Each structure stands twice: as C-alpha cells, then as structure tokens.
C-alpha cells in the first residue's frame, strides 16, 4: 500500500451520481421492512401480498451486481440445518444536483458511492453488525491499482465495488443495496418523525436547512431536518468522520422506531413507510420481498439494542503520492475483522474492542 506523505484533513469528495430512476435508502430500511413483513403476516395474507408487491415494484433491480464467480470468495454453506451468516453491502448516495447513474454498468463512469457499509448478520441471527467504511479509504481496487474505495464504483460499477470489498475482507457479499439519502425524508415523515441524540451541535451553512440549529441532546426531527442531519459534514472539524457517526445515530433511531410494536401493528404506518422508501432503493435481483421476509423469520427476536454500528478503524488521514487526500487503512484492524467475519465471531471482536456503542 502507498503510505501517505503527510497527515491532513481529507478533502470533500466529488458528489455521487444519481440513479436513472430515483430508486435506492439504507440498511435500516431493509431491516425495518424485514420486521414489517414478519409482523404483517399476522394481519392477513392479502395485506402481506400487497406490501410485498409495493416493495418489489417500487425498487430497482440491479441485474449485474456481482463479479465473475472465479473472482469471488467461496460461498459459506449452512451446516446442520442452521442458517449461514449473511453479508450485505449497502452503498448510499447523495444525489443533489448530479447527473444520472446507471447501476447496471461495469464500464468506467464518474459515479461514486457517498456512503459504504458492510452489514453482517451472524448465523444465529441474534445480532446485526454494520461496519461503516470511509469513502476516502485508500485500498487496492482489483485490476485498477490503489485508489479511494468509493472510486471502485466509477471504475467498474457495482460488480467492481463488490469485488473490492470482498477482496478487502476476503468474505463473500450475499446481497447488495444502493440507497439514496432522499429516501430518509419520506421514511422519517412516514414514521411521524424520529428522535435522535445530537452529539455535536451545528447549523448547516448551505442547503434547504441553512441556519437551522441542531442543538446538542435528544430532539425529534422531521423529514427535511433528518435529511440535512445525515448530509452535513462541513460543520465538523473531522468532516466525514462525524457525518458517518450522525448517519449511524439516525439509523439507530430509525430502527428503534421501525421495529417498535406501535409501528409494526399499524397497517397505515407500515404501508406509508414501505411506499415512501421503496422508490429510493436498488437491490440485487435475489434480494426481493420474499428474501427479506425469510430473513425476517430469523430476525424475529431482534431488538434495537442488538444492532451494533461502528466505523472500520483507520490510521487517520493523509496524502497519497499523487497528491490525493485520503483515509489511511489500518491493515491490522482489517485483518482482525476479516478473521472474525470468517469465523462468524464479529461479536467477539466488537466486545474485545469495546465497540458496542460505536467508535
């Protein structure tokens, strides 16, 4: 790996490109939908069918989401009738003012992933772990050389992004979801607002919520406020690091409210939520409502406290030999996490490094 020549703050990355249809939202939406499918089954067959149809028809399917089989880690097969561990790669984008993006291309484009998250669901289905990857993380892009990890999407589309993450951790990605920040607004409003704990107060200097003050402490955000909350990075001294933390805070709040009994037993809220977010999600062809519903069966006992989110440890920021501002990879931490994933013991890694509440 190329070592940085100096330590400095990473500069803002270019804005990602828009899907040709605004059909993409994040892991929290997928888990929420899984829980919704499970509980909705109690309400009645016709209702669950309509809900599934809404999700399947609203989302965009990525026809070519994965690299060639010969380039991938082996698939983990279930043993003794148990479920296999599952890894989901979530790519988030902020599409303000950008041109269209084609999710099916494998050719070079200028598209970028604004947010990257590896979601690991253990075989016992007792927890969900979400590892955020800094978009400027300096890694090897298979066949392309060293670059920022989010450039994999520009260099070879979704398949190369999947291959890059699989190569980084030597673990197979089972499903892919691309999400659009715009979906956060509709999801938040469908839930009647969400309460987040603002750790660092700020006021955006630009955008629709310019000048709106986010005071420290717990406060309930509406859709517009939530969208600005997950977008903002320029107000913070460590930029993208704090933005990732804020996104994790928002997702935790969404999960908590989505899987709350008062939400799941309210057909109107559930339908509004799925209708609002489905147009902002793109998934691989096999990750449809039926697959999510099957996952929901395994996650039926999941509580908000069973979800752990943390950022992949790094060695800070620096400059590449060609002058780019980058985030320096901590190869030791990556190796530890890869080993834990391979043994389906990510929980042990989290406990050993006191990451139960993030980092």
Protein backbone atom coordinates (compact mmCIF):
# COMPACT_ATOMS: atom_id res chain seq x y z
CA UNK A 1 0.00 0.00 0.00
CA UNK A 2 1.23 3.56 -0.71
CA UNK A 3 1.98 5.37 2.53
CA UNK A 4 0.78 8.97 2.94
CA UNK A 5 3.34 11.72 2.64
CA UNK A 6 1.70 13.97 5.21
CA UNK A 7 -1.20 13.92 7.62
CA UNK A 8 -4.01 16.35 6.90
CA UNK A 9 -7.77 16.54 6.75
CA UNK A 10 -9.37 14.65 3.88
CA UNK A 11 -10.89 16.96 1.33
CA UNK A 12 -14.53 16.61 0.29
CA UNK A 13 -15.08 14.04 -2.42
CA UNK A 14 -16.95 14.79 -5.60
CA UNK A 15 -20.67 14.28 -5.37
CA UNK A 16 -22.04 10.89 -6.41
CA UNK A 17 -24.24 10.45 -9.42
CA UNK A 18 -27.94 9.81 -9.49
CA UNK A 19 -29.62 6.58 -10.47
CA UNK A 20 -31.54 6.89 -13.70
CA UNK A 21 -34.63 6.21 -11.63
CA UNK A 22 -34.63 7.58 -8.05
CA UNK A 23 -34.87 4.06 -6.65
CA UNK A 24 -32.50 3.41 -3.81
CA UNK A 25 -32.45 4.02 1.28
CA UNK A 26 -30.13 2.20 3.84
CA UNK A 27 -29.72 -0.94 5.86
CA UNK A 28 -32.14 0.44 8.44
CA UNK A 29 -34.90 0.46 5.81
CA UNK A 30 -34.21 -3.12 4.78
CA UNK A 31 -34.20 -4.36 8.36
CA UNK A 32 -37.29 -2.35 9.11
CA UNK A 33 -39.01 -3.87 6.11
CA UNK A 34 -37.94 -7.34 7.26
CA UNK A 35 -39.55 -6.77 10.63
CA UNK A 36 -42.60 -5.31 8.93
CA UNK A 37 -43.01 -8.39 6.74
CA UNK A 38 -42.81 -10.66 9.76
CA UNK A 39 -45.41 -8.83 11.84
CA UNK A 40 -47.63 -8.08 8.86
CA UNK A 41 -48.11 -11.82 8.39
CA UNK A 42 -50.27 -11.75 11.49
CA UNK A 43 -52.59 -9.21 9.93
CA UNK A 44 -53.55 -11.21 6.86
CA UNK A 45 -52.42 -12.76 3.60
CA UNK A 46 -53.87 -10.09 1.31
CA UNK A 47 -52.11 -7.34 3.24
CA UNK A 48 -48.71 -9.03 3.19
CA UNK A 49 -49.07 -9.74 -0.52
CA UNK A 50 -49.82 -6.08 -1.29
CA UNK A 51 -46.93 -4.95 0.89
CA UNK A 52 -44.53 -7.27 -0.91
CA UNK A 53 -45.82 -6.10 -4.28
CA UNK A 54 -45.25 -2.48 -3.24
CA UNK A 55 -41.64 -3.21 -2.33
CA UNK A 56 -40.88 -5.33 -5.39
CA UNK A 57 -42.47 -2.94 -7.87
CA UNK A 58 -41.06 0.19 -6.21
CA UNK A 59 -37.43 -0.85 -6.01
CA UNK A 60 -34.96 -1.01 -8.88
CA UNK A 61 -33.27 -4.37 -9.53
CA UNK A 62 -29.53 -4.47 -10.26
CA UNK A 63 -29.17 -7.08 -12.98
CA UNK A 64 -25.38 -7.44 -12.72
CA UNK A 65 -24.47 -6.82 -9.10
CA UNK A 66 -21.64 -9.32 -8.64
CA UNK A 67 -18.26 -10.07 -10.24
CA UNK A 68 -17.45 -13.31 -12.05
CA UNK A 69 -17.67 -16.33 -9.76
CA UNK A 70 -13.98 -17.19 -10.32
CA UNK A 71 -13.02 -13.84 -8.76
CA UNK A 72 -15.05 -14.30 -5.57
CA UNK A 73 -14.51 -15.91 -2.15
CA UNK A 74 -16.26 -19.23 -1.61
CA UNK A 75 -19.87 -19.19 -0.54
CA UNK A 76 -20.48 -20.19 3.08
CA UNK A 77 -22.88 -23.09 3.20
CA UNK A 78 -25.21 -23.62 6.18
CA UNK A 79 -24.41 -26.53 8.50
CA UNK A 80 -26.68 -28.84 10.46
CA UNK A 81 -29.76 -27.16 9.08
CA UNK A 82 -28.79 -23.77 10.50
CA UNK A 83 -28.75 -20.54 8.52
CA UNK A 84 -25.49 -19.31 7.03
CA UNK A 85 -24.00 -15.95 8.03
CA UNK A 86 -25.05 -13.15 5.67
CA UNK A 87 -23.14 -10.12 4.41
CA UNK A 88 -24.95 -7.20 2.79
CA UNK A 89 -23.10 -4.35 1.09
CA UNK A 90 -25.00 -1.07 1.38
CA UNK A 91 -23.98 1.88 -0.79
CA UNK A 92 -25.53 5.25 -0.04
CA UNK A 93 -25.56 8.29 -2.29
CA UNK A 94 -26.48 11.93 -2.03
CA UNK A 95 -27.92 12.86 -5.43
CA UNK A 96 -28.25 16.63 -5.10
CA UNK A 97 -27.51 18.37 -8.36
CA UNK A 98 -25.91 15.37 -10.00
CA UNK A 99 -26.40 13.63 -13.31
CA UNK A 100 -27.85 10.18 -13.73
CA UNK A 101 -26.08 6.97 -12.72
CA UNK A 102 -26.56 3.56 -14.28
CA UNK A 103 -26.48 0.80 -11.65
CA UNK A 104 -26.01 -1.93 -14.26
CA UNK A 105 -22.88 -0.66 -15.96
CA UNK A 106 -19.49 -2.32 -15.48
CA UNK A 107 -17.70 0.28 -17.59
CA UNK A 108 -15.81 3.29 -16.24
CA UNK A 109 -18.05 6.21 -15.28
CA UNK A 110 -17.77 9.12 -12.88
CA UNK A 111 -20.22 7.67 -10.33
CA UNK A 112 -19.18 7.45 -6.67
CA UNK A 113 -20.56 5.85 -3.51
CA UNK A 114 -21.01 8.53 -0.87
CA UNK A 115 -21.51 6.07 2.00
CA UNK A 116 -20.38 2.45 2.31
CA UNK A 117 -21.49 -0.05 4.92
CA UNK A 118 -20.87 -3.77 5.32
CA UNK A 119 -23.76 -5.33 7.23
CA UNK A 120 -23.02 -8.71 8.81
CA UNK A 121 -25.81 -10.93 10.14
CA UNK A 122 -24.45 -13.93 12.11
CA UNK A 123 -25.73 -17.45 11.58
CA UNK A 124 -27.59 -17.36 14.90
CA UNK A 125 -29.47 -14.22 13.78
CA UNK A 126 -29.19 -12.76 17.30
CA UNK A 127 -27.41 -9.55 16.24
CA UNK A 128 -26.81 -7.29 13.29
CA UNK A 129 -23.42 -5.63 12.83
CA UNK A 130 -22.88 -2.67 10.50
CA UNK A 131 -19.32 -1.62 9.68
CA UNK A 132 -19.04 1.79 8.01
CA UNK A 133 -16.18 2.20 5.51
CA UNK A 134 -14.85 5.72 5.00
CA UNK A 135 -15.37 6.68 1.36
CA UNK A 136 -11.77 8.01 1.06
CA UNK A 137 -10.22 4.79 2.43
CA UNK A 138 -7.08 4.06 0.37
CA UNK A 139 -7.23 0.45 -0.82
CA UNK A 140 -6.33 -1.77 -3.73
CA UNK A 141 -9.02 -1.80 -6.42
CA UNK A 142 -8.71 -5.19 -8.17
CA UNK A 143 -7.22 -4.74 -11.61
CA UNK A 144 -7.00 -0.96 -11.21
CA UNK A 145 -4.37 -0.32 -8.51
CA UNK A 146 -4.56 1.77 -5.36
CA UNK A 147 -7.32 4.35 -5.05
CA UNK A 148 -10.07 5.60 -2.76
CA UNK A 149 -12.53 2.79 -2.13
CA UNK A 150 -15.52 4.72 -3.43
CA UNK A 151 -13.83 5.08 -6.83
CA UNK A 152 -14.42 1.36 -7.45
CA UNK A 153 -17.96 2.22 -8.48
CA UNK A 154 -16.67 4.69 -11.05
CA UNK A 155 -14.02 2.31 -12.37
CA UNK A 156 -16.17 -0.79 -12.79
CA UNK A 157 -19.69 -0.31 -11.49
CA UNK A 158 -21.37 -2.33 -8.76
CA UNK A 159 -19.52 -5.59 -9.57
CA UNK A 160 -16.11 -3.96 -9.02
CA UNK A 161 -17.29 -2.34 -5.79
CA UNK A 162 -18.44 -5.75 -4.55
CA UNK A 163 -15.15 -7.33 -5.64
CA UNK A 164 -13.18 -4.60 -3.87
CA UNK A 165 -14.95 -5.13 -0.55
CA UNK A 166 -14.78 -8.91 -0.92
CA UNK A 167 -11.03 -8.63 -1.56
CA UNK A 168 -10.56 -6.30 1.40
CA UNK A 169 -12.13 -8.71 3.90
CA UNK A 170 -11.81 -11.99 1.97
CA UNK A 171 -15.52 -12.54 2.60
CA UNK A 172 -18.38 -13.07 0.17
CA UNK A 173 -21.10 -10.44 -0.25
CA UNK A 174 -24.53 -12.10 -0.37
CA UNK A 175 -26.68 -9.10 -1.22
CA UNK A 176 -26.28 -5.52 -2.44
CA UNK A 177 -28.44 -2.48 -1.75
CA UNK A 178 -27.94 1.01 -3.15
CA UNK A 179 -29.77 3.76 -1.31
CA UNK A 180 -30.49 7.43 -1.81
CA UNK A 181 -30.39 9.94 1.04
CA UNK A 182 -33.59 11.48 -0.32
CA UNK A 183 -35.42 8.41 0.93
CA UNK A 184 -34.63 9.38 4.51
CA UNK A 185 -37.06 12.28 4.26
CA UNK A 186 -40.07 10.19 3.27
CA UNK A 187 -39.22 7.43 5.75
CA UNK A 188 -38.90 9.89 8.62
CA UNK A 189 -42.19 11.60 7.83
CA UNK A 190 -43.97 8.25 7.38
CA UNK A 191 -42.91 7.40 10.93
CA UNK A 192 -44.12 10.73 12.29
CA UNK A 193 -40.58 11.95 12.92
CA UNK A 194 -37.67 10.27 14.71
CA UNK A 195 -35.79 11.17 17.87
CA UNK A 196 -32.01 11.42 17.54
CA UNK A 197 -29.34 12.26 20.09
CA UNK A 198 -27.25 15.08 18.61
CA UNK A 199 -23.71 14.76 19.97
CA UNK A 200 -22.17 17.83 18.32
CA UNK A 201 -24.42 20.88 17.76
CA UNK A 202 -24.27 22.54 14.35
CA UNK A 203 -26.12 24.72 11.86
CA UNK A 204 -25.76 23.97 8.11
CA UNK A 205 -24.18 26.83 6.18
CA UNK A 206 -26.00 25.93 2.98
CA UNK A 207 -28.86 23.88 1.63
CA UNK A 208 -32.61 23.88 2.41
CA UNK A 209 -31.95 23.82 6.18
CA UNK A 210 -29.35 26.59 6.11
CA UNK A 211 -29.08 28.21 9.53
CA UNK A 212 -31.29 25.64 11.27
CA UNK A 213 -29.67 24.91 14.64
CA UNK A 214 -29.28 21.31 15.76
CA UNK A 215 -28.84 21.66 19.50
CA UNK A 216 -26.95 19.04 21.48
CA UNK A 217 -29.15 16.39 23.06
CA UNK A 218 -32.23 14.47 22.08
CA UNK A 219 -34.64 16.07 19.62
CA UNK A 220 -37.28 14.87 17.19
CA UNK A 221 -36.50 15.50 13.52
CA UNK A 222 -38.95 15.74 10.65
CA UNK A 223 -38.06 14.59 7.15
CA UNK A 224 -36.27 17.75 5.98
CA UNK A 225 -34.35 18.03 9.25
CA UNK A 226 -33.32 14.38 9.11
CA UNK A 227 -32.11 14.68 5.51
CA UNK A 228 -29.90 17.66 6.37
CA UNK A 229 -28.67 15.86 9.51
CA UNK A 230 -27.32 12.88 7.55
CA UNK A 231 -25.89 15.06 4.77
CA UNK A 232 -23.90 17.61 6.77
CA UNK A 233 -20.12 17.34 7.02
CA UNK A 234 -18.66 20.84 6.56
CA UNK A 235 -19.75 21.94 10.04
CA UNK A 236 -17.43 19.45 11.73
CA UNK A 237 -13.67 19.58 12.29
CA UNK A 238 -13.30 15.93 11.25
CA UNK A 239 -15.76 16.24 8.37
CA UNK A 240 -16.80 12.87 7.02
CA UNK A 241 -15.98 11.03 10.25
CA UNK A 242 -18.68 12.93 12.15
CA UNK A 243 -21.10 12.68 9.25
CA UNK A 244 -20.75 8.88 9.39
CA UNK A 245 -21.40 8.98 13.15
CA UNK A 246 -24.51 11.09 12.57
CA UNK A 247 -25.75 8.67 9.92
CA UNK A 248 -25.28 5.80 12.36
CA UNK A 249 -27.16 7.75 15.05
CA UNK A 250 -30.03 8.35 12.66
CA UNK A 251 -30.15 4.72 11.57
CA UNK A 252 -30.25 3.54 15.18
CA UNK A 253 -33.18 5.87 15.81
CA UNK A 254 -34.97 4.64 12.68
CA UNK A 255 -34.50 1.00 13.62
CA UNK A 256 -35.73 1.60 17.14
CA UNK A 257 -38.91 3.27 15.94
CA UNK A 258 -39.48 0.98 12.96
CA UNK A 259 -39.44 -2.24 14.99
CA UNK A 260 -41.45 -0.75 17.86
CA UNK A 261 -44.74 -2.57 18.39
CA UNK A 262 -46.82 0.57 17.85
CA UNK A 263 -45.29 0.91 14.37
CA UNK A 264 -45.45 -2.70 13.27
CA UNK A 265 -49.05 -3.16 14.35
CA UNK A 266 -50.24 -0.06 12.49
CA UNK A 267 -51.02 -1.07 8.86
CA UNK A 268 -51.31 2.56 7.72
CA UNK A 269 -47.87 3.47 9.06
CA UNK A 270 -46.31 0.30 7.67
CA UNK A 271 -47.77 0.85 4.20
CA UNK A 272 -46.75 4.51 4.20
CA UNK A 273 -43.21 3.59 5.22
CA UNK A 274 -42.72 0.94 2.52
CA UNK A 275 -44.36 3.14 -0.12
CA UNK A 276 -42.18 6.11 0.82
CA UNK A 277 -38.81 4.37 0.77
CA UNK A 278 -39.10 1.72 -1.97
CA UNK A 279 -38.54 4.19 -4.86
CA UNK A 280 -35.16 5.10 -3.33
CA UNK A 281 -33.73 1.57 -3.11
CA UNK A 282 -31.88 -0.54 -5.68
CA UNK A 283 -31.12 -4.17 -4.81
CA UNK A 284 -29.63 -7.23 -6.46
CA UNK A 285 -32.21 -9.40 -8.22
CA UNK A 286 -32.37 -12.02 -5.46
CA UNK A 287 -32.95 -9.52 -2.64
CA UNK A 288 -36.69 -9.18 -3.08
CA UNK A 289 -39.55 -9.08 -0.58
CA UNK A 290 -39.57 -12.88 -0.30
CA UNK A 291 -35.86 -12.98 0.62
CA UNK A 292 -36.30 -10.17 3.13
CA UNK A 293 -39.34 -11.89 4.57
CA UNK A 294 -37.31 -15.07 5.01
CA UNK A 295 -34.60 -13.07 6.74
CA UNK A 296 -37.27 -11.58 8.99
CA UNK A 297 -38.14 -15.00 10.35
CA UNK A 298 -34.59 -15.36 11.65
CA UNK A 299 -34.57 -11.81 12.99
CA UNK A 300 -37.94 -12.07 14.74
CA UNK A 301 -36.38 -11.62 18.21
CA UNK A 302 -34.12 -8.73 17.19
CA UNK A 303 -34.23 -5.64 19.38
CA UNK A 304 -32.76 -2.22 18.70
CA UNK A 305 -30.06 -2.92 21.30
CA UNK A 306 -28.97 -5.99 19.33
CA UNK A 307 -27.80 -3.80 16.44
CA UNK A 308 -24.17 -2.64 16.62
CA UNK A 309 -22.72 0.03 14.34
CA UNK A 310 -19.10 1.10 14.18
CA UNK A 311 -16.65 2.59 11.70
CA UNK A 312 -13.79 0.50 10.31
CA UNK A 313 -10.73 1.66 12.32
CA UNK A 314 -8.20 3.66 10.29
CA UNK A 315 -4.80 5.31 10.80
CA UNK A 316 -6.19 8.79 10.21
CA UNK A 317 -5.95 10.98 7.14
CA UNK A 318 -3.05 11.65 4.83
CA UNK A 319 -1.95 12.35 1.28
CA UNK A 320 -1.23 9.77 -1.39
CA UNK A 321 1.91 10.00 -3.53
CA UNK A 322 -0.17 11.53 -6.32
CA UNK A 323 -1.50 14.27 -4.04
CA UNK A 324 -4.95 12.99 -3.10
CA UNK A 325 -6.34 13.49 0.39
CA UNK A 326 -7.05 10.01 1.71
CA UNK A 327 -8.00 7.97 4.75
CA UNK A 328 -5.16 5.60 5.63
CA UNK A 329 -6.16 1.96 6.05
CA UNK A 330 -5.38 0.16 9.30
CA UNK A 331 -4.33 -3.18 7.82
CA UNK A 332 -4.12 -4.76 11.26
CA UNK A 333 -7.74 -3.90 12.07
CA UNK A 334 -8.88 -5.05 8.63
CA UNK A 335 -7.11 -8.38 9.13
CA UNK A 336 -8.72 -8.84 12.56
CA UNK A 337 -12.20 -8.07 11.25
CA UNK A 338 -11.70 -10.32 8.23
CA UNK A 339 -10.70 -13.17 10.55
CA UNK A 340 -13.70 -12.53 12.81
CA UNK A 341 -16.06 -12.47 9.83
CA UNK A 342 -14.59 -15.70 8.50
CA UNK A 343 -15.20 -17.41 11.85
CA UNK A 344 -18.61 -15.74 12.29
CA UNK A 345 -17.31 -14.18 15.51
CA UNK A 346 -17.61 -10.48 14.79
CA UNK A 347 -19.38 -10.10 18.15
CA UNK A 348 -16.22 -11.21 19.92
CA UNK A 349 -14.20 -8.59 18.02
CA UNK A 350 -16.73 -5.90 18.97
CA UNK A 351 -16.56 -6.88 22.65
CA UNK A 352 -12.75 -7.07 22.67
CA UNK A 353 -12.50 -3.55 21.25
CA UNK A 354 -15.42 -2.06 23.24
CA UNK A 355 -17.35 -1.14 20.09
CA UNK A 356 -20.83 -2.00 21.37
CA UNK A 357 -21.74 1.70 21.23
CA UNK A 358 -19.62 2.60 18.22
CA UNK A 359 -16.32 4.41 17.96
